[in-house]
Protein backbone atom coordinates (compact mmCIF):
# COMPACT_ATOMS: atom_id res chain seq x y z
CA MET A 1 115.81 105.09 96.90
CA LEU A 2 115.04 108.57 95.13
CA GLU A 3 117.61 108.96 92.10
CA GLY A 4 118.58 111.99 90.46
CA PRO A 5 118.77 116.15 91.56
CA ASP A 6 115.12 116.85 90.60
CA LEU A 7 113.90 113.69 93.04
CA VAL A 8 116.56 114.38 95.97
CA GLU A 9 115.44 118.40 95.58
CA ALA A 10 111.47 117.19 95.72
CA ALA A 11 112.43 115.07 98.63
CA LEU A 12 114.12 118.19 100.63
CA ALA A 13 111.28 120.56 99.43
CA ALA A 14 108.73 118.41 100.78
CA GLY A 15 110.52 117.70 104.06
CA ALA A 16 110.91 114.18 104.01
CA GLU A 17 112.87 111.70 106.18
CA ILE A 18 115.85 111.54 103.71
CA GLU A 19 118.62 108.88 106.23
CA ALA A 20 121.46 109.56 103.36
CA LEU A 21 122.67 111.42 100.14
CA TYR A 22 125.03 109.45 98.16
CA VAL A 23 127.07 111.17 95.54
CA ASP A 24 128.88 109.92 92.07
CA GLY A 25 132.65 110.84 93.35
CA ALA A 26 133.31 111.01 89.36
CA ARG A 27 131.08 113.98 89.41
CA ALA A 28 132.40 115.53 92.22
CA GLY A 29 132.90 118.98 90.34
CA ASP A 30 129.25 119.19 89.52
CA ALA A 31 127.52 122.50 90.87
CA ARG A 32 124.34 121.45 90.89
CA LEU A 33 125.40 118.11 92.96
CA VAL A 34 127.71 120.22 95.34
CA ALA A 35 124.71 122.65 96.36
CA LEU A 36 122.36 119.48 96.62
CA ALA A 37 124.65 117.74 99.10
CA GLU A 38 125.38 121.19 100.31
CA ARG A 39 122.01 122.04 101.50
CA ALA A 40 121.15 118.01 102.20
CA GLY A 41 124.52 118.46 104.84
CA ALA A 42 122.93 121.74 106.58
CA LEU A 43 119.96 119.70 107.37
CA GLY A 44 121.46 117.25 108.74
CA VAL A 45 121.57 114.82 106.39
CA ARG A 46 124.53 112.35 105.84
CA THR A 47 126.59 112.60 102.69
CA PHE A 48 128.58 110.39 101.14
CA ALA A 49 131.27 110.63 98.32
CA LEU A 50 130.97 107.28 96.36
CA ALA A 51 134.19 105.66 94.54
CA PRO A 52 133.84 105.87 90.29
CA GLY A 53 131.56 103.48 88.89
CA VAL A 54 129.97 102.01 92.11
CA LEU A 55 126.56 104.75 91.11
CA GLU A 56 126.48 102.70 88.52
CA ARG A 57 126.39 99.21 89.79
CA VAL A 58 124.04 100.30 92.14
CA ALA A 59 121.35 102.80 90.59
CA ASP A 60 117.57 101.80 89.16
CA ALA A 61 118.35 104.12 86.30
CA VAL A 62 119.87 102.98 82.73
CA THR A 63 121.50 106.38 82.84
CA PRO A 64 122.27 107.48 86.87
CA GLN A 65 122.22 111.43 87.40
CA GLY A 66 125.08 111.35 89.74
CA VAL A 67 123.23 110.96 93.06
CA LEU A 68 121.14 108.58 95.03
CA ALA A 69 118.87 109.60 98.11
CA ALA A 70 117.87 106.58 100.42
CA ALA A 71 114.58 107.95 102.35
CA ARG A 72 111.68 107.19 104.55
CA LEU A 73 108.40 107.44 102.27
CA PRO A 74 105.67 106.99 104.99
CA LEU A 75 102.64 106.73 102.47
CA ALA A 76 99.42 108.65 102.93
CA THR A 77 95.95 107.17 104.62
CA LEU A 78 92.41 107.05 103.15
CA GLU A 79 91.45 109.97 105.62
CA ALA A 80 94.06 112.54 104.26
CA VAL A 81 92.51 112.52 101.27
CA ARG A 82 90.13 115.27 100.85
CA PRO A 83 87.18 115.30 98.88
CA GLY A 84 87.93 115.91 95.01
CA THR A 85 89.07 113.99 92.15
CA VAL A 86 90.48 110.63 93.51
CA LEU A 87 92.34 108.29 90.71
CA VAL A 88 91.65 104.86 91.59
CA LEU A 89 94.47 102.37 90.27
CA CYS A 90 93.37 98.87 90.17
CA ASP A 91 96.07 96.34 89.54
CA LEU A 92 98.46 98.49 87.65
CA ARG A 93 101.63 96.84 87.18
CA ASP A 94 103.57 99.14 85.26
CA PRO A 95 105.81 101.69 87.72
CA GLY A 96 106.25 103.99 84.74
CA ASN A 97 101.97 104.04 84.54
CA VAL A 98 101.65 104.72 88.43
CA GLY A 99 104.09 107.31 88.61
CA THR A 100 102.76 109.20 85.42
CA LEU A 101 99.92 109.21 86.92
CA ILE A 102 100.84 110.37 90.85
CA ARG A 103 102.41 112.99 88.69
CA THR A 104 98.76 114.23 86.79
CA ALA A 105 97.44 113.85 89.74
CA ASP A 106 99.26 116.35 90.81
CA ALA A 107 99.44 118.78 88.03
CA THR A 108 95.33 118.35 87.62
CA GLY A 109 94.75 119.13 91.21
CA ALA A 110 93.44 115.76 92.16
CA ALA A 111 92.72 115.40 96.12
CA GLY A 112 94.45 112.00 95.61
CA VAL A 113 95.97 108.74 94.09
CA VAL A 114 94.58 105.36 95.60
CA LEU A 115 95.98 102.06 94.72
CA VAL A 116 94.33 98.87 95.35
CA GLY A 117 94.44 95.09 94.39
CA ALA A 118 97.81 93.24 93.41
CA GLY A 119 99.37 96.59 91.60
CA VAL A 120 103.05 97.75 91.87
CA ASP A 121 104.40 99.11 95.12
CA PRO A 122 104.51 103.17 94.51
CA THR A 123 107.79 103.58 96.26
CA ASN A 124 109.53 101.06 93.12
CA PRO A 125 112.06 103.42 91.50
CA LYS A 126 111.03 103.79 88.35
CA ALA A 127 107.48 104.92 89.32
CA LEU A 128 109.11 107.82 91.51
CA ARG A 129 111.09 109.16 88.95
CA ALA A 130 108.10 108.95 86.57
CA SER A 131 106.19 111.00 89.73
CA ALA A 132 109.10 113.45 88.92
CA GLY A 133 109.00 114.51 92.60
CA SER A 134 104.58 114.95 92.45
CA ILE A 135 104.80 111.84 95.37
CA PHE A 136 106.00 115.04 97.92
CA HIS A 137 102.93 116.23 97.17
CA VAL A 138 99.80 114.99 96.70
CA PRO A 139 98.23 111.84 98.98
CA VAL A 140 99.25 108.75 97.75
CA VAL A 141 97.04 105.72 99.51
CA VAL A 142 97.72 101.62 99.13
CA THR A 143 94.62 99.86 100.18
CA GLY A 144 91.68 97.59 99.37
CA LEU A 145 89.34 98.42 97.18
CA ASP A 146 86.14 97.79 99.54
CA GLU A 147 88.12 99.97 102.48
CA ALA A 148 88.34 102.35 99.27
CA LEU A 149 85.39 103.04 97.93
CA GLU A 150 83.55 103.46 101.57
CA ASP A 151 85.99 105.88 101.88
CA LEU A 152 85.43 108.28 99.30
CA ARG A 153 81.51 107.18 98.79
CA ALA A 154 81.41 108.91 102.72
CA LYS A 155 82.88 111.95 101.64
CA GLY A 156 80.50 112.02 98.67
CA ALA A 157 82.47 111.00 95.90
CA ARG A 158 80.66 109.52 93.09
CA VAL A 159 82.53 106.16 91.69
CA LEU A 160 82.93 106.01 87.92
CA ALA A 161 85.04 103.27 85.88
CA SER A 162 86.88 103.70 83.02
CA VAL A 163 86.26 101.07 80.74
CA ALA A 164 87.57 100.54 76.92
CA ARG A 165 83.42 100.88 75.07
CA GLY A 166 79.91 101.16 76.13
CA GLY A 167 80.06 104.36 78.67
CA GLU A 168 79.63 108.08 78.67
CA ASP A 169 81.17 110.25 76.84
CA PRO A 170 83.18 112.38 80.02
CA GLY A 171 82.78 115.23 78.47
CA ALA A 172 79.30 114.46 78.86
CA SER A 173 79.34 113.56 82.23
CA ASP A 174 78.90 115.42 85.20
CA LEU A 175 82.84 115.55 86.67
CA SER A 176 83.08 118.82 88.54
CA GLY A 177 82.37 117.36 91.56
CA PRO A 178 83.85 114.70 94.02
CA ARG A 179 84.40 111.71 91.85
CA ALA A 180 86.64 108.20 92.28
CA LEU A 181 88.30 108.07 89.07
CA LEU A 182 89.22 104.06 88.34
CA ILE A 183 91.88 103.19 86.42
CA GLY A 184 92.20 99.20 85.05
CA ASN A 185 94.79 97.02 84.98
CA GLU A 186 97.19 97.64 81.65
CA ALA A 187 96.01 94.42 79.83
CA ALA A 188 92.78 93.41 81.51
CA GLY A 189 90.87 96.69 82.12
CA LEU A 190 88.66 96.17 85.14
CA ASP A 191 87.16 93.31 86.70
CA GLU A 192 83.55 92.94 85.10
CA ASP A 193 82.63 92.55 89.33
CA VAL A 194 84.08 95.98 89.77
CA VAL A 195 83.01 98.01 87.25
CA ALA A 196 79.15 96.59 88.38
CA ARG A 197 80.20 97.98 91.98
CA CYS A 198 80.43 101.62 90.45
CA ASP A 199 78.06 104.06 90.18
CA GLY A 200 78.70 104.30 86.20
CA ALA A 201 81.12 104.26 83.12
CA LEU A 202 83.29 106.56 81.44
CA THR A 203 84.70 105.74 77.53
CA ILE A 204 86.77 107.96 75.97
CA PRO A 205 85.73 108.10 72.26
CA MET A 206 88.50 106.90 69.58
CA ALA A 207 88.28 107.63 66.06
CA GLY A 208 91.13 105.31 65.23
CA ARG A 209 91.45 101.44 65.02
CA ALA A 210 93.41 101.27 68.64
CA GLU A 211 91.32 99.11 70.78
CA SER A 212 92.40 100.97 74.24
CA LEU A 213 94.13 103.56 75.36
CA ASN A 214 97.15 103.29 77.46
CA ALA A 215 95.88 103.23 81.54
CA ALA A 216 98.04 106.56 82.19
CA THR A 217 96.84 108.47 79.08
CA ALA A 218 93.57 107.38 80.02
CA GLY A 219 93.96 108.16 83.63
CA ALA A 220 95.36 111.50 82.40
CA MET A 221 92.62 112.55 80.26
CA LEU A 222 89.83 111.92 82.72
CA ALA A 223 91.62 113.72 85.19
CA TYR A 224 92.39 116.75 82.87
CA GLU A 225 88.28 116.78 81.70
CA ALA A 226 87.76 116.53 85.59
CA MET A 227 89.95 119.83 86.43
CA VAL A 228 88.77 121.45 83.03
CA GLN A 229 84.79 121.05 84.65
CA ARG A 230 85.90 122.24 88.49
CA ARG A 231 87.32 125.49 86.90
CA HIS A 232 84.51 126.60 84.43
CA GLY A 233 81.85 124.04 85.29
CA ARG A 234 80.41 121.47 83.15
CA THR A 235 79.74 122.00 79.20
CA SER A 236 77.49 119.64 77.38
CA ARG A 237 80.45 119.60 75.01
CA THR A 238 81.84 115.90 73.96
CA PHE A 239 85.33 114.60 73.33
């Protein structure tokens, strides 16, 4: 379920298979929603006007934005992930974090996002909203850890764990080539056995007294560092 005009517009632009569009009847005169309905109709999408108050009862968002779309979102396979920077999300449970990291992967030119373990579904409505449409721009894969590591290593990726302490400073590590960056669960981080299977570990230095960074923040910092190194080459600087 896609909620809001931004997400629906991104889906239409990406050629996603939309089954139906639902517009809040109370906002029938909204120029943006009218244009969106006309665009969807021109593509053969069925469009329905809902009676006032109905959309508020069925939407997931606290403040609905006047339009919903039911769409098929076939997730990618590992074959669609090209060699490059790949964010591997291990057991992430917060849909906001998952959506934010998908958006981050898109913004930083990452090759894909791979979800492993017992994490949240990337098509969760909150995850979709947090992705801001980026789920249509970057391959998002749900698979097992063994399959992910085997495939990414076969593509030349070095597998690096994100850990709260004891790892190498990302600014001093070579992230310019194919890298699989593992981000762990919000509460527990990465399991020790998962870290042991990696080729190395990264720790973002912190100057204050915080024990660790939010998973989405840590993933974003690593993804941006990798983008900078791809563009400008590896440097000897540190965070």
